[in-house]
Amino acid sequence: MASRRKFKKAIKNKTNFLIEDAFIESVNGDAKEAEKMDEIIDQVIDYRIEMLNKVCAYPNRESRAKIKAHFNTIASNLEAKTADYTKKIGRVG
């Protein structure tokens, strides 16, 4: 199991990558595309805050298996959501 610090860094790195891609698409696209990308950027930022809060609110008084399951769920959810947002942005990453 990785530390909470590593999970937080992974979340921040992946969401920063998504925000940068959406911003680049926003700048290179027309007004309609820029509006769509701004909405996606807002969603990614909200998702980032939600995931960081989940990392901080782990079940520390529970068994090791429950803690590990909690972090595994966060990791799989992060991978799924970043793939989803990558498809929405339209860039291969």
Protein backbone atom coordinates (compact mmCIF):
# COMPACT_ATOMS: atom_id res chain seq x y z
CA MET A 1 0.00 0.00 0.00
CA ALA A 2 1.33 3.39 -0.94
CA SER A 3 1.35 6.27 1.49
CA ARG A 4 -1.31 8.94 1.54
CA ARG A 5 1.26 11.42 0.28
CA LYS A 6 1.90 9.29 -2.82
CA PHE A 7 -1.84 8.97 -3.47
CA LYS A 8 -2.25 12.73 -3.18
CA LYS A 9 0.66 13.34 -5.56
CA ALA A 10 -0.77 10.86 -8.07
CA ILE A 11 -4.18 12.53 -7.93
CA LYS A 12 -2.66 15.98 -8.37
CA ASN A 13 -0.39 14.89 -11.22
CA LYS A 14 -3.16 13.17 -13.16
CA THR A 15 -5.66 15.97 -12.70
CA ASN A 16 -3.05 18.59 -13.60
CA PHE A 17 -2.39 16.69 -16.82
CA LEU A 18 -6.12 16.65 -17.62
CA ILE A 19 -6.49 20.36 -16.83
CA GLU A 20 -3.52 21.23 -19.06
CA ASP A 21 -4.92 19.17 -21.95
CA ALA A 22 -8.35 20.76 -21.58
CA PHE A 23 -6.80 24.22 -21.47
CA ILE A 24 -4.78 23.55 -24.62
CA GLU A 25 -7.91 22.32 -26.39
CA SER A 26 -9.77 25.40 -25.15
CA VAL A 27 -7.15 27.77 -26.54
CA ASN A 28 -6.88 25.95 -29.87
CA GLY A 29 -10.62 25.53 -30.39
CA ASP A 30 -13.47 27.88 -31.15
CA ALA A 31 -15.78 29.54 -28.61
CA LYS A 32 -18.07 26.51 -28.32
CA GLU A 33 -15.10 24.23 -27.70
CA ALA A 34 -13.68 26.68 -25.14
CA GLU A 35 -16.96 26.67 -23.21
CA LYS A 36 -17.03 22.87 -23.22
CA MET A 37 -13.42 22.65 -22.02
CA ASP A 38 -14.03 25.22 -19.27
CA GLU A 39 -16.87 23.04 -18.00
CA ILE A 40 -14.62 19.97 -18.08
CA ILE A 41 -11.89 21.85 -16.21
CA ASP A 42 -14.39 22.75 -13.49
CA GLN A 43 -15.49 19.11 -13.26
CA VAL A 44 -11.89 17.89 -13.00
CA ILE A 45 -11.14 20.38 -10.23
CA ASP A 46 -14.25 19.30 -8.30
CA TYR A 47 -13.27 15.66 -8.80
CA ARG A 48 -9.73 16.41 -7.58
CA ILE A 49 -11.03 17.96 -4.36
CA GLU A 50 -13.40 15.03 -3.83
CA MET A 51 -10.61 12.47 -4.27
CA LEU A 52 -8.20 14.33 -1.99
CA ASN A 53 -10.88 14.39 0.69
CA LYS A 54 -11.40 10.64 0.29
CA VAL A 55 -7.68 10.04 0.76
CA CYS A 56 -7.69 12.13 3.93
CA ALA A 57 -10.81 10.44 5.31
CA TYR A 58 -9.55 6.88 5.31
CA PRO A 59 -10.82 4.41 7.94
CA ASN A 60 -7.77 4.58 10.22
CA ARG A 61 -9.38 2.72 13.12
CA GLU A 62 -10.39 -0.23 10.97
CA SER A 63 -8.51 -3.36 10.02
CA ARG A 64 -5.63 -3.27 7.57
CA ALA A 65 -7.74 -5.05 4.95
CA LYS A 66 -10.43 -2.35 5.05
CA ILE A 67 -7.83 0.40 4.75
CA LYS A 68 -6.21 -1.36 1.82
CA ALA A 69 -9.61 -1.87 0.15
CA HIS A 70 -10.38 1.83 0.64
CA PHE A 71 -7.19 2.89 -1.13
CA ASN A 72 -7.59 0.29 -3.86
CA THR A 73 -11.05 1.68 -4.56
CA ILE A 74 -9.62 5.18 -4.77
CA ALA A 75 -6.89 4.04 -7.17
CA SER A 76 -9.27 2.19 -9.49
CA ASN A 77 -11.75 5.08 -9.42
CA LEU A 78 -8.95 7.50 -10.29
CA GLU A 79 -7.86 5.44 -13.28
CA ALA A 80 -11.43 5.08 -14.58
CA LYS A 81 -12.25 8.78 -14.19
CA THR A 82 -9.01 9.98 -15.79
CA ALA A 83 -9.67 7.72 -18.78
CA ASP A 84 -13.21 9.08 -18.99
CA TYR A 85 -12.06 12.70 -18.85
CA THR A 86 -9.34 12.00 -21.42
CA LYS A 87 -12.02 10.75 -23.81
CA LYS A 88 -14.15 13.84 -23.11
CA ILE A 89 -11.22 16.12 -23.81
CA GLY A 90 -10.45 14.26 -27.00
CA ARG A 91 -6.73 13.82 -26.60
CA VAL A 92 -4.88 10.56 -26.41
CA GLY A 93 -2.85 10.42 -23.20
